Amino acid sequence: MEKITLRVNDLACPDCAGKISELLRKQKGVEDAQLSFMTGKLNVSYDPDVISLDEIKKTVSKLGYKAE
């Protein structure tokens, strides 16, 4: 497992942060994902043999946000 912290800017509301976290946790290879609305920090624990960092970023972009 690897742990990364990404930044997600311009979150519209706390519910949006929850939806992003929930969608990521449903992805195969993601053990945990927590996005703070207050800080915009996205912490993800994932298996890089199953899901790549690019795939994680693409999942966030599906909801209209950019993870950096």
N, C-alpha and C. Protein backbone atom coordinates (compact mmCIF):
# COMPACT_ATOMS: atom_id res chain seq x y z
N MET A 1 0.84 -1.19 0.00
CA MET A 1 0.00 0.00 0.00
C MET A 1 0.88 1.24 0.00
N GLU A 2 0.42 2.22 -0.72
CA GLU A 2 1.06 3.52 -0.72
C GLU A 2 0.07 4.55 -0.22
N LYS A 3 0.60 5.62 0.35
CA LYS A 3 -0.24 6.73 0.80
C LYS A 3 0.22 7.99 0.09
N ILE A 4 -0.74 8.73 -0.45
CA ILE A 4 -0.42 9.99 -1.11
C ILE A 4 -1.36 11.07 -0.60
N THR A 5 -0.91 12.30 -0.71
CA THR A 5 -1.75 13.45 -0.40
C THR A 5 -1.78 14.33 -1.63
N LEU A 6 -2.98 14.59 -2.11
CA LEU A 6 -3.19 15.46 -3.27
C LEU A 6 -3.98 16.67 -2.83
N ARG A 7 -3.98 17.68 -3.65
CA ARG A 7 -4.75 18.89 -3.38
C ARG A 7 -5.89 18.97 -4.38
N VAL A 8 -7.10 19.23 -3.86
CA VAL A 8 -8.28 19.43 -4.71
C VAL A 8 -8.78 20.84 -4.42
N ASN A 9 -8.67 21.71 -5.40
CA ASN A 9 -9.04 23.11 -5.23
C ASN A 9 -10.49 23.37 -5.64
N ASP A 10 -11.01 24.47 -5.15
CA ASP A 10 -12.33 24.98 -5.55
C ASP A 10 -13.48 24.02 -5.25
N LEU A 11 -13.43 23.37 -4.09
CA LEU A 11 -14.55 22.52 -3.69
C LEU A 11 -15.76 23.40 -3.42
N ALA A 12 -16.89 23.01 -3.97
CA ALA A 12 -18.11 23.82 -3.85
C ALA A 12 -18.78 23.67 -2.49
N CYS A 13 -18.72 22.47 -1.90
CA CYS A 13 -19.44 22.24 -0.65
C CYS A 13 -18.89 20.99 0.04
N PRO A 14 -19.20 20.82 1.33
CA PRO A 14 -18.75 19.62 2.05
C PRO A 14 -19.28 18.33 1.42
N ASP A 15 -20.49 18.37 0.88
CA ASP A 15 -21.05 17.18 0.24
C ASP A 15 -20.21 16.74 -0.95
N CYS A 16 -19.66 17.71 -1.68
CA CYS A 16 -18.81 17.39 -2.83
C CYS A 16 -17.57 16.63 -2.37
N ALA A 17 -16.98 17.06 -1.28
CA ALA A 17 -15.81 16.37 -0.74
C ALA A 17 -16.17 14.94 -0.36
N GLY A 18 -17.34 14.77 0.24
CA GLY A 18 -17.80 13.43 0.62
C GLY A 18 -18.02 12.54 -0.59
N LYS A 19 -18.58 13.09 -1.66
CA LYS A 19 -18.83 12.31 -2.87
C LYS A 19 -17.53 11.86 -3.52
N ILE A 20 -16.53 12.74 -3.53
CA ILE A 20 -15.23 12.37 -4.10
C ILE A 20 -14.61 11.25 -3.28
N SER A 21 -14.62 11.38 -1.96
CA SER A 21 -14.05 10.35 -1.09
C SER A 21 -14.77 9.02 -1.30
N GLU A 22 -16.09 9.07 -1.36
CA GLU A 22 -16.89 7.85 -1.52
C GLU A 22 -16.60 7.18 -2.86
N LEU A 23 -16.55 7.97 -3.93
CA LEU A 23 -16.28 7.41 -5.26
C LEU A 23 -14.91 6.75 -5.30
N LEU A 24 -13.91 7.39 -4.70
CA LEU A 24 -12.57 6.81 -4.70
C LEU A 24 -12.53 5.51 -3.90
N ARG A 25 -13.21 5.47 -2.76
CA ARG A 25 -13.21 4.25 -1.94
C ARG A 25 -13.84 3.07 -2.67
N LYS A 26 -14.69 3.34 -3.64
CA LYS A 26 -15.33 2.27 -4.41
C LYS A 26 -14.43 1.72 -5.51
N GLN A 27 -13.32 2.41 -5.78
CA GLN A 27 -12.42 1.97 -6.84
C GLN A 27 -11.58 0.79 -6.36
N LYS A 28 -11.44 -0.20 -7.22
CA LYS A 28 -10.62 -1.36 -6.90
C LYS A 28 -9.18 -0.90 -6.69
N GLY A 29 -8.59 -1.30 -5.59
CA GLY A 29 -7.21 -0.93 -5.28
C GLY A 29 -7.09 0.23 -4.30
N VAL A 30 -8.20 0.93 -4.04
CA VAL A 30 -8.17 2.03 -3.08
C VAL A 30 -8.64 1.50 -1.73
N GLU A 31 -7.77 1.56 -0.73
CA GLU A 31 -8.12 1.09 0.61
C GLU A 31 -8.90 2.16 1.37
N ASP A 32 -8.45 3.42 1.25
CA ASP A 32 -9.13 4.50 1.96
C ASP A 32 -8.89 5.81 1.21
N ALA A 33 -9.87 6.71 1.32
CA ALA A 33 -9.74 8.05 0.73
C ALA A 33 -10.52 9.02 1.60
N GLN A 34 -9.87 10.10 1.99
CA GLN A 34 -10.48 11.13 2.82
C GLN A 34 -10.13 12.49 2.25
N LEU A 35 -11.15 13.27 1.92
CA LEU A 35 -10.95 14.62 1.40
C LEU A 35 -11.53 15.62 2.38
N SER A 36 -10.72 16.55 2.83
CA SER A 36 -11.17 17.58 3.75
C SER A 36 -11.67 18.79 2.97
N PHE A 37 -12.91 19.16 3.20
CA PHE A 37 -13.47 20.35 2.56
C PHE A 37 -12.73 21.60 3.01
N MET A 38 -12.35 21.65 4.27
CA MET A 38 -11.71 22.84 4.84
C MET A 38 -10.31 23.09 4.26
N THR A 39 -9.54 22.02 4.06
CA THR A 39 -8.16 22.18 3.59
C THR A 39 -7.97 21.84 2.12
N GLY A 40 -8.88 21.08 1.55
CA GLY A 40 -8.73 20.64 0.17
C GLY A 40 -7.71 19.52 0.01
N LYS A 41 -7.28 18.93 1.13
CA LYS A 41 -6.30 17.84 1.07
C LYS A 41 -7.01 16.50 0.94
N LEU A 42 -6.57 15.74 -0.05
CA LEU A 42 -7.10 14.41 -0.31
C LEU A 42 -6.03 13.39 0.05
N ASN A 43 -6.30 12.58 1.06
CA ASN A 43 -5.39 11.51 1.48
C ASN A 43 -5.93 10.19 0.95
N VAL A 44 -5.08 9.47 0.22
CA VAL A 44 -5.49 8.21 -0.39
C VAL A 44 -4.48 7.12 -0.05
N SER A 45 -5.00 5.99 0.42
CA SER A 45 -4.20 4.78 0.60
C SER A 45 -4.62 3.83 -0.51
N TYR A 46 -3.64 3.38 -1.30
CA TYR A 46 -3.99 2.56 -2.46
C TYR A 46 -2.88 1.57 -2.80
N ASP A 47 -3.25 0.58 -3.60
CA ASP A 47 -2.30 -0.42 -4.07
C ASP A 47 -1.90 -0.05 -5.50
N PRO A 48 -0.67 0.41 -5.71
CA PRO A 48 -0.24 0.85 -7.04
C PRO A 48 -0.18 -0.28 -8.07
N ASP A 49 -0.23 -1.53 -7.61
CA ASP A 49 -0.27 -2.66 -8.54
C ASP A 49 -1.68 -2.85 -9.12
N VAL A 50 -2.67 -2.22 -8.49
CA VAL A 50 -4.06 -2.36 -8.92
C VAL A 50 -4.59 -1.09 -9.57
N ILE A 51 -4.25 0.07 -9.00
CA ILE A 51 -4.73 1.35 -9.52
C ILE A 51 -3.57 2.35 -9.52
N SER A 52 -3.48 3.12 -10.60
CA SER A 52 -2.39 4.08 -10.71
C SER A 52 -2.80 5.45 -10.18
N LEU A 53 -1.81 6.28 -9.95
CA LEU A 53 -2.07 7.65 -9.52
C LEU A 53 -2.88 8.39 -10.58
N ASP A 54 -2.58 8.16 -11.85
CA ASP A 54 -3.34 8.80 -12.93
C ASP A 54 -4.81 8.39 -12.90
N GLU A 55 -5.08 7.12 -12.61
CA GLU A 55 -6.46 6.65 -12.52
C GLU A 55 -7.19 7.31 -11.35
N ILE A 56 -6.49 7.52 -10.26
CA ILE A 56 -7.08 8.21 -9.10
C ILE A 56 -7.45 9.64 -9.49
N LYS A 57 -6.53 10.32 -10.17
CA LYS A 57 -6.79 11.70 -10.61
C LYS A 57 -7.95 11.75 -11.60
N LYS A 58 -8.04 10.77 -12.50
CA LYS A 58 -9.13 10.73 -13.48
C LYS A 58 -10.47 10.51 -12.78
N THR A 59 -10.47 9.72 -11.72
CA THR A 59 -11.70 9.49 -10.97
C THR A 59 -12.19 10.79 -10.35
N VAL A 60 -11.29 11.58 -9.80
CA VAL A 60 -11.66 12.89 -9.24
C VAL A 60 -12.18 13.81 -10.34
N SER A 61 -11.55 13.77 -11.50
CA SER A 61 -11.97 14.66 -12.59
C SER A 61 -13.35 14.32 -13.12
N LYS A 62 -13.80 13.09 -12.94
CA LYS A 62 -15.16 12.70 -13.36
C LYS A 62 -16.22 13.52 -12.63
N LEU A 63 -15.88 14.03 -11.46
CA LEU A 63 -16.83 14.84 -10.69
C LEU A 63 -16.57 16.34 -10.89
N GLY A 64 -15.70 16.67 -11.85
CA GLY A 64 -15.49 18.07 -12.19
C GLY A 64 -14.42 18.79 -11.40
N TYR A 65 -13.55 18.04 -10.73
CA TYR A 65 -12.49 18.65 -9.94
C TYR A 65 -11.14 18.15 -10.41
N LYS A 66 -10.10 18.88 -10.05
CA LYS A 66 -8.74 18.49 -10.43
C LYS A 66 -7.93 18.20 -9.19
N ALA A 67 -7.32 17.02 -9.18
CA ALA A 67 -6.43 16.62 -8.07
C ALA A 67 -5.00 16.81 -8.52
N GLU A 68 -4.21 17.51 -7.71
CA GLU A 68 -2.81 17.77 -8.05
C GLU A 68 -1.91 17.30 -6.93
